[in-house]
Protein backbone atom coordinates (compact mmCIF):
# COMPACT_ATOMS: atom_id res chain seq x y z
CA MET A 1 140.99 152.78 108.64
CA THR A 2 137.32 152.38 109.49
CA VAL A 3 135.96 148.88 108.90
CA ARG A 4 132.94 149.02 106.61
CA PHE A 5 130.32 146.28 106.66
CA PRO A 6 128.41 145.28 103.55
CA ARG A 7 124.70 145.90 103.70
CA PRO A 8 122.91 143.03 105.52
CA LEU A 9 121.96 140.24 103.13
CA THR A 10 118.23 139.64 102.70
CA PRO A 11 116.13 137.35 100.49
CA GLY A 12 115.68 139.01 97.13
CA ASP A 13 119.32 140.12 97.03
CA ARG A 14 121.57 138.91 94.25
CA ILE A 15 124.51 136.59 94.97
CA GLY A 16 127.36 136.19 92.49
CA VAL A 17 129.08 132.86 91.87
CA THR A 18 132.58 132.80 90.40
CA ALA A 19 135.75 130.77 91.02
CA PRO A 20 138.73 133.09 91.62
CA SER A 21 140.92 130.02 92.16
CA SER A 22 139.94 126.44 91.27
CA GLY A 23 136.92 125.62 89.13
CA VAL A 24 134.48 122.73 89.37
CA GLN A 25 135.08 119.47 87.55
CA THR A 26 132.25 118.00 85.50
CA PRO A 27 131.41 115.17 87.97
CA LEU A 28 130.84 117.82 90.68
CA ARG A 29 128.71 120.21 88.65
CA PRO A 30 125.50 118.62 90.01
CA ARG A 31 126.58 119.75 93.50
CA LEU A 32 127.23 123.25 92.19
CA ASP A 33 123.78 123.30 90.58
CA PHE A 34 122.20 122.02 93.79
CA ALA A 35 123.91 124.70 95.88
CA VAL A 36 122.78 127.43 93.48
CA GLY A 37 119.25 126.03 93.62
CA TRP A 38 119.40 125.95 97.42
CA LEU A 39 120.06 129.69 97.49
CA ARG A 40 117.33 130.38 94.95
CA GLU A 41 114.82 128.37 96.94
CA ARG A 42 115.49 130.70 99.86
CA GLY A 43 114.62 133.73 97.82
CA TYR A 44 118.02 134.91 96.60
CA GLU A 45 118.78 135.75 93.00
CA VAL A 46 121.94 134.02 91.82
CA GLU A 47 124.20 135.18 89.00
CA VAL A 48 126.53 132.42 87.81
CA GLY A 49 129.71 133.71 86.21
CA GLU A 50 131.84 132.31 83.41
CA CYS A 51 134.94 131.45 85.48
CA LEU A 52 133.99 128.01 86.75
CA ASP A 53 135.78 125.45 84.55
CA GLY A 54 137.56 122.80 86.58
CA ASP A 55 138.42 120.29 83.85
CA THR A 56 141.38 121.86 82.06
CA SER A 57 143.59 123.48 84.71
CA HIS A 58 144.15 124.05 88.42
CA VAL A 59 142.39 127.41 87.95
CA SER A 60 138.99 128.18 86.47
CA ALA A 61 140.24 130.61 83.80
CA PRO A 62 143.26 132.80 82.98
CA ALA A 63 144.20 135.17 85.80
CA ASP A 64 143.12 138.35 84.01
CA GLN A 65 139.69 136.87 83.29
CA ARG A 66 139.22 135.66 86.87
CA ALA A 67 140.32 139.01 88.28
CA ALA A 68 138.01 140.93 85.96
CA GLU A 69 134.99 138.80 86.82
CA LEU A 70 135.61 138.99 90.57
CA SER A 71 136.21 142.76 90.41
CA ARG A 72 133.04 143.26 88.38
CA MET A 73 130.91 141.25 90.78
CA LEU A 74 132.32 142.98 93.86
CA CYS A 75 131.74 146.41 92.29
CA ASP A 76 128.25 145.70 90.94
CA PRO A 77 125.78 147.39 93.33
CA ARG A 78 123.13 144.82 92.39
CA ILE A 79 125.27 141.96 93.76
CA ARG A 80 125.27 141.87 97.57
CA ALA A 81 127.49 138.80 98.11
CA VAL A 82 130.03 136.78 96.11
CA VAL A 83 130.40 133.12 97.03
CA PRO A 84 132.96 131.01 95.15
CA PRO A 85 132.39 127.25 94.94
CA TRP A 86 135.52 126.62 97.02
CA GLY A 87 139.16 127.62 97.34
CA GLY A 88 141.99 126.06 95.39
CA GLU A 89 145.70 126.69 95.05
CA THR A 90 146.77 130.00 93.47
CA ALA A 91 144.28 132.79 94.13
CA ILE A 92 147.38 134.83 94.93
CA ASP A 93 147.88 135.46 91.20
CA LEU A 94 144.84 137.79 91.25
CA LEU A 95 146.12 140.24 93.84
CA ASP A 96 147.97 142.55 91.46
CA ARG A 97 145.25 142.19 88.82
CA LEU A 98 142.18 143.21 90.83
CA ASP A 99 140.81 146.68 90.12
CA TRP A 100 141.69 148.10 93.53
CA ASP A 101 140.78 151.67 92.54
CA ALA A 102 137.28 150.63 91.49
CA LEU A 103 136.89 148.52 94.60
CA ALA A 104 137.93 151.44 96.81
CA ASP A 105 135.13 153.54 95.30
CA ALA A 106 132.51 150.78 95.53
CA GLU A 107 130.06 149.98 98.28
CA PRO A 108 131.31 146.93 100.24
CA THR A 109 130.02 143.55 99.08
CA TRP A 110 130.23 140.34 101.10
CA LEU A 111 133.02 138.03 99.92
CA VAL A 112 132.40 134.63 101.49
CA GLY A 113 134.55 131.52 101.74
CA PHE A 114 137.68 130.02 103.28
CA SER A 115 140.87 128.14 102.40
CA ASP A 116 142.63 129.70 99.36
CA LEU A 117 139.96 132.41 99.23
CA THR A 118 141.51 133.97 102.34
CA THR A 119 144.39 134.98 100.06
CA LEU A 120 141.92 137.52 98.64
CA MET A 121 139.62 138.13 101.60
CA LEU A 122 142.34 139.19 104.02
CA PRO A 123 143.85 141.85 101.67
CA ILE A 124 140.37 143.19 100.92
CA THR A 125 139.88 143.75 104.65
CA LEU A 126 143.38 145.11 105.23
CA ARG A 127 143.53 147.41 102.17
CA LEU A 128 139.90 148.48 101.72
CA GLY A 129 138.51 148.14 105.23
CA TRP A 130 135.75 145.83 103.97
CA ALA A 131 134.50 143.19 106.36
CA THR A 132 134.82 139.77 104.71
CA LEU A 133 133.15 136.54 105.79
CA HIS A 134 135.31 133.49 106.55
CA GLY A 135 132.72 130.73 106.38
CA ALA A 136 131.43 127.89 104.26
CA ASN A 137 132.01 128.00 100.50
CA LEU A 138 129.18 127.63 98.01
CA MET A 139 129.52 123.85 97.78
CA ASP A 140 129.09 123.64 101.57
CA THR A 141 126.24 126.16 101.67
CA PRO A 142 123.38 123.60 101.60
CA TYR A 143 124.55 122.00 104.86
CA THR A 144 122.34 122.76 107.84
CA ALA A 145 124.16 124.70 110.57
CA VAL A 146 124.63 122.59 113.69
CA ASP A 147 123.42 123.68 117.12
CA GLY A 148 125.38 126.63 118.44
CA LEU A 149 126.72 127.73 115.05
CA ALA A 150 125.20 130.06 112.48
CA HIS A 151 124.85 129.60 108.73
CA TRP A 152 126.89 132.11 106.75
CA THR A 153 123.69 133.64 105.34
CA GLU A 154 122.59 134.36 108.93
CA VAL A 155 125.90 136.04 109.67
CA ALA A 156 125.71 138.14 106.49
CA ALA A 157 122.17 139.17 107.48
CA ALA A 158 123.01 140.14 111.08
CA THR A 159 122.73 143.75 112.23
CA GLY A 160 124.05 143.51 115.78
CA PRO A 161 125.71 141.08 118.20
CA LEU A 162 125.70 137.43 117.10
CA THR A 163 126.88 134.73 119.51
CA GLN A 164 128.06 131.30 118.41
CA ARG A 165 129.11 128.45 120.68
CA GLY A 166 131.40 125.48 120.32
CA SER A 167 129.46 122.56 118.90
CA GLY A 168 131.35 119.89 120.82
CA ARG A 169 131.33 117.57 117.81
CA TYR A 170 133.18 117.32 114.52
CA ARG A 171 133.78 115.06 111.55
CA SER A 172 136.85 112.85 111.98
CA SER A 173 137.09 111.59 108.39
CA GLY A 174 137.21 113.25 104.98
CA PHE A 175 134.61 115.20 103.07
CA ASP A 176 131.38 113.87 101.59
CA ARG A 177 131.55 112.41 98.07
CA TRP A 178 129.29 114.81 96.25
CA GLU A 179 129.81 112.76 93.09
CA ASP A 180 127.70 110.05 94.75
CA ASP A 181 125.12 112.31 96.41
CA PRO A 182 125.10 115.95 95.27
CA THR A 183 122.06 116.76 97.41
CA THR A 184 123.39 115.99 100.91
CA THR A 185 122.52 118.66 103.49
CA GLY A 186 123.51 117.08 106.82
CA TYR A 187 126.97 116.81 108.38
CA THR A 188 128.09 113.47 109.76
CA LEU A 189 129.73 114.45 113.05
CA ASP A 190 131.16 111.30 114.61
CA ALA A 191 133.75 112.67 117.04
CA GLU A 192 133.69 114.77 120.18
CA GLY A 193 135.97 117.71 120.80
CA THR A 194 135.94 121.16 122.28
CA TRP A 195 137.99 124.35 122.42
CA GLU A 196 141.12 124.16 124.54
CA VAL A 197 143.08 127.01 126.11
CA VAL A 198 146.80 126.27 125.94
CA GLY A 199 148.09 125.96 129.50
CA GLY A 200 144.61 125.64 130.93
CA GLY A 201 142.46 128.24 132.60
CA GLY A 202 139.99 130.52 130.87
CA VAL A 203 139.88 133.39 128.39
CA ASP A 204 137.71 136.48 128.19
CA VAL A 205 139.11 138.78 125.53
CA SER A 206 137.80 141.29 123.00
CA GLY A 207 139.20 142.66 119.75
CA ARG A 208 138.85 142.93 115.98
CA LEU A 209 138.90 139.58 114.21
CA VAL A 210 141.34 138.95 111.37
CA GLY A 211 142.96 135.85 109.91
CA GLY A 212 142.74 132.98 107.47
CA CYS A 213 144.34 129.79 106.15
CA ILE A 214 147.98 129.47 107.22
CA GLU A 215 149.25 127.93 103.97
CA THR A 216 147.91 130.81 101.88
CA ILE A 217 148.06 133.95 104.04
CA SER A 218 151.67 133.23 105.03
CA ASN A 219 152.61 134.10 101.44
CA LEU A 220 151.30 137.65 101.94
CA THR A 221 153.99 138.65 104.44
CA GLY A 222 156.25 141.37 103.08
CA THR A 223 153.84 142.25 100.27
CA PRO A 224 151.54 145.28 99.95
CA TYR A 225 148.61 142.91 100.51
CA GLY A 226 149.53 141.54 103.94
CA ASP A 227 149.98 144.45 106.31
CA LEU A 228 148.26 142.78 109.22
CA PRO A 229 150.73 144.38 111.65
CA GLY A 230 149.56 147.81 110.43
CA PHE A 231 145.94 146.77 110.93
CA GLY A 232 146.81 145.61 114.43
CA ARG A 233 148.50 148.89 115.32
CA GLU A 234 145.57 150.86 113.93
CA HIS A 235 143.10 148.94 116.08
CA ALA A 236 145.32 148.47 119.12
CA ASP A 237 142.93 150.43 121.32
CA GLU A 238 140.11 148.01 120.47
CA GLY A 239 142.20 144.86 120.69
CA LEU A 240 143.03 142.25 118.07
CA ILE A 241 142.07 138.58 117.78
CA VAL A 242 144.02 136.68 115.13
CA TYR A 243 142.69 133.34 113.89
CA VAL A 244 144.63 130.82 111.83
CA GLU A 245 143.95 127.33 110.55
CA ALA A 246 145.91 124.66 108.69
CA SER A 247 144.47 122.98 105.62
CA ASP A 248 146.63 119.96 104.82
CA ASP A 249 150.35 120.77 105.01
CA PRO A 250 152.48 118.65 107.35
CA ALA A 251 153.17 120.01 110.81
CA LEU A 252 156.77 121.11 110.22
CA GLU A 253 155.70 123.17 107.20
CA ILE A 254 152.94 124.78 109.27
CA CYS A 255 155.47 125.42 112.03
CA ARG A 256 157.73 127.28 109.58
CA ASN A 257 154.79 129.29 108.26
CA LEU A 258 153.70 130.30 111.76
CA HIS A 259 157.23 131.32 112.68
CA GLY A 260 157.31 133.45 109.53
CA LEU A 261 154.05 135.16 110.49
CA ARG A 262 155.41 135.74 114.00
CA LEU A 263 158.64 137.24 112.70
CA ALA A 264 156.64 139.47 110.34
CA GLY A 265 154.80 140.92 113.35
CA TRP A 266 151.39 139.41 112.71
CA PHE A 267 150.88 138.61 116.38
CA ASP A 268 152.56 141.68 117.90
CA ASP A 269 149.26 143.35 118.80
CA ALA A 270 147.21 140.18 119.26
CA ASP A 271 145.19 139.87 122.45
CA ALA A 272 144.34 136.24 121.61
CA ILE A 273 145.04 133.66 118.90
CA LEU A 274 142.38 131.21 117.75
CA VAL A 275 143.57 128.05 116.01
CA GLY A 276 141.15 126.09 113.87
CA ARG A 277 140.68 122.36 114.22
CA THR A 278 142.63 120.47 111.56
CA ARG A 279 143.18 117.03 110.11
CA ALA A 280 146.49 118.10 108.56
CA PRO A 281 149.14 115.44 109.15
CA SER A 282 151.94 115.29 111.65
CA SER A 283 155.55 115.24 110.52
CA SER A 284 158.01 112.46 111.30
CA PRO A 285 161.56 113.70 111.82
CA ALA A 286 164.18 111.28 113.10
CA THR A 287 163.39 112.38 116.67
CA GLY A 288 159.78 111.20 116.48
CA GLU A 289 156.32 112.51 115.69
CA PHE A 290 155.86 116.28 115.43
CA THR A 291 152.14 117.15 115.55
CA GLN A 292 150.09 120.14 114.42
CA ARG A 293 149.73 121.04 118.10
CA ASP A 294 153.51 120.94 118.42
CA ALA A 295 153.73 123.31 115.46
CA VAL A 296 151.51 125.88 117.15
CA LEU A 297 153.32 125.65 120.48
CA ASP A 298 156.77 125.75 118.88
CA ALA A 299 156.00 128.91 116.88
CA LEU A 300 153.56 130.75 119.13
CA GLY A 301 153.85 129.21 122.59
CA GLY A 302 156.44 131.75 123.70
CA LEU A 303 154.12 134.69 123.10
CA ASP A 304 152.39 136.19 126.11
CA VAL A 305 149.03 135.72 124.39
CA PRO A 306 146.15 133.31 125.11
CA ILE A 307 145.91 130.57 122.47
CA VAL A 308 142.66 128.69 121.94
CA LEU A 309 142.91 125.42 120.00
CA ASP A 310 140.36 123.37 118.07
CA VAL A 311 137.97 126.19 117.18
CA GLU A 312 135.52 125.27 114.41
CA CYS A 313 137.02 127.72 111.91
CA GLY A 314 139.12 125.32 109.88
CA HIS A 315 138.81 122.67 107.19
CA VAL A 316 137.02 120.25 109.52
CA PRO A 317 133.19 120.35 109.57
CA PRO A 318 131.21 121.96 111.09
CA TYR A 319 132.09 125.56 110.26
CA LEU A 320 131.92 128.60 112.52
CA PRO A 321 131.71 131.73 110.33
CA LEU A 322 134.04 134.55 111.37
CA VAL A 323 133.98 138.08 109.97
CA ASN A 324 137.31 139.73 109.26
CA GLY A 325 137.17 143.20 110.76
CA ALA A 326 134.30 142.54 113.17
CA PRO A 327 134.59 143.44 116.86
CA ALA A 328 134.39 140.20 118.82
CA ARG A 329 134.49 138.80 122.32
CA VAL A 330 135.81 135.29 122.98
CA VAL A 331 134.92 133.58 126.27
CA VAL A 332 136.22 130.19 127.36
CA ASP A 333 135.53 129.03 130.90
CA ASP A 334 134.07 126.07 132.76
CA ARG A 335 130.67 126.59 131.13
CA ARG A 336 131.20 128.48 127.92
CA ARG A 337 132.99 128.14 124.62
CA GLU A 338 131.61 131.10 122.71
CA ILE A 339 132.38 134.00 120.43
CA THR A 340 130.17 137.05 119.97
CA GLN A 341 130.67 139.19 116.87
CA THR A 342 129.11 142.62 116.48
CA LEU A 343 128.03 143.13 112.88
CA GLY A 344 126.74 146.04 110.86
C-alpha cells in the first residue's frame, strides 16, 4: 500500500473540530474557544462540529453520531485537517461505524492528535494508507513549540524533510489548569532529560514511522483495524520504526500490553523502537518497585532492536509531532538526538 500524504496545510484552509471520544466540560469551554480563536488568528477557517459535549457522558455524543461527523469531516474536500480537542477513553467504538468506503474514495485529510485518538489514527494509516499526525491536540495547539521541536501546523505544512531535535527539558508535574487560565501559551519545563539508547551506544536508523498510545492501540491486535505486522512486511525494504508511549496505566499493565503487541508481531519488522517519556506510575508487587522502564525492558528488551527511551512523543510536555507513514531517520549519538521525517 502506498502511503498518501494530505495536501500541505496553509493559512486559508479549513480545519474541522470534533470530539470522536471525550467532549469538553463547561468549565473548559473557554480553552476550547481560545484554541479555535488561535487558529483563526493565524488565518485558518475553523468549522466547529456538534459532537463536543463533555458534561453528560464519557463521550461527546452517541457513537453513530460521532462516527458520522468524523467521517463527514474527513471526506469533505473543503476541510484539510481535523483536530479533536483531546483524546478520551473509548474511541474504539467508532471503528466499525466509520464510513470506510467513503474514506477510501476521499482525498486524504490530516487527522491530528494523540492519546485515545491513536485508536483511530493508526487504523486510518494501516487500512487507507493515509498519513496521520501524532501531535498536540486542539487544547494544546496554542502552546508555542519549544526549541528543536515543530508545531503540528508546521509539520502539516511541510513538503520535504523536517528535522526535530530532543529539547532536553520537560514538565515534571501535571497539566496546566485551563479552568484558571484558558489563555496560557507557554510550557513550564522544569526538569532536564534526554533520549536514552537502551544498553548505551548510538543509533542511526531509517524506516516508516508508525505507532501510538500503548493503552489504546494494544486493543487493536487481532482485529481488522490493527494489522501493523502486515504494514511492516509491506514496507520491510524501507525499514520500520515503531513508537509507543504510556499514558497513565501502572507499569505491570503496560508490561502486559507490550508483551501482547510483541506476541502479535508488531515489532517483528521493526528496525528501532521509540518509547515516549511518561509520568505513568510504577507498580508495587511484593518483590518491590516495578517501573515503566522495567516494563519496556521486560517486554521488549530481548528483541534484537535498538530501543530509544524518553522521546518527546508521549503525554509529557513538550510534544514532538510524528507522522504515521512518513519515512524517517533517527540519529542518537554523542552530539545529536534528532529525527528527520520526509513529508509530502
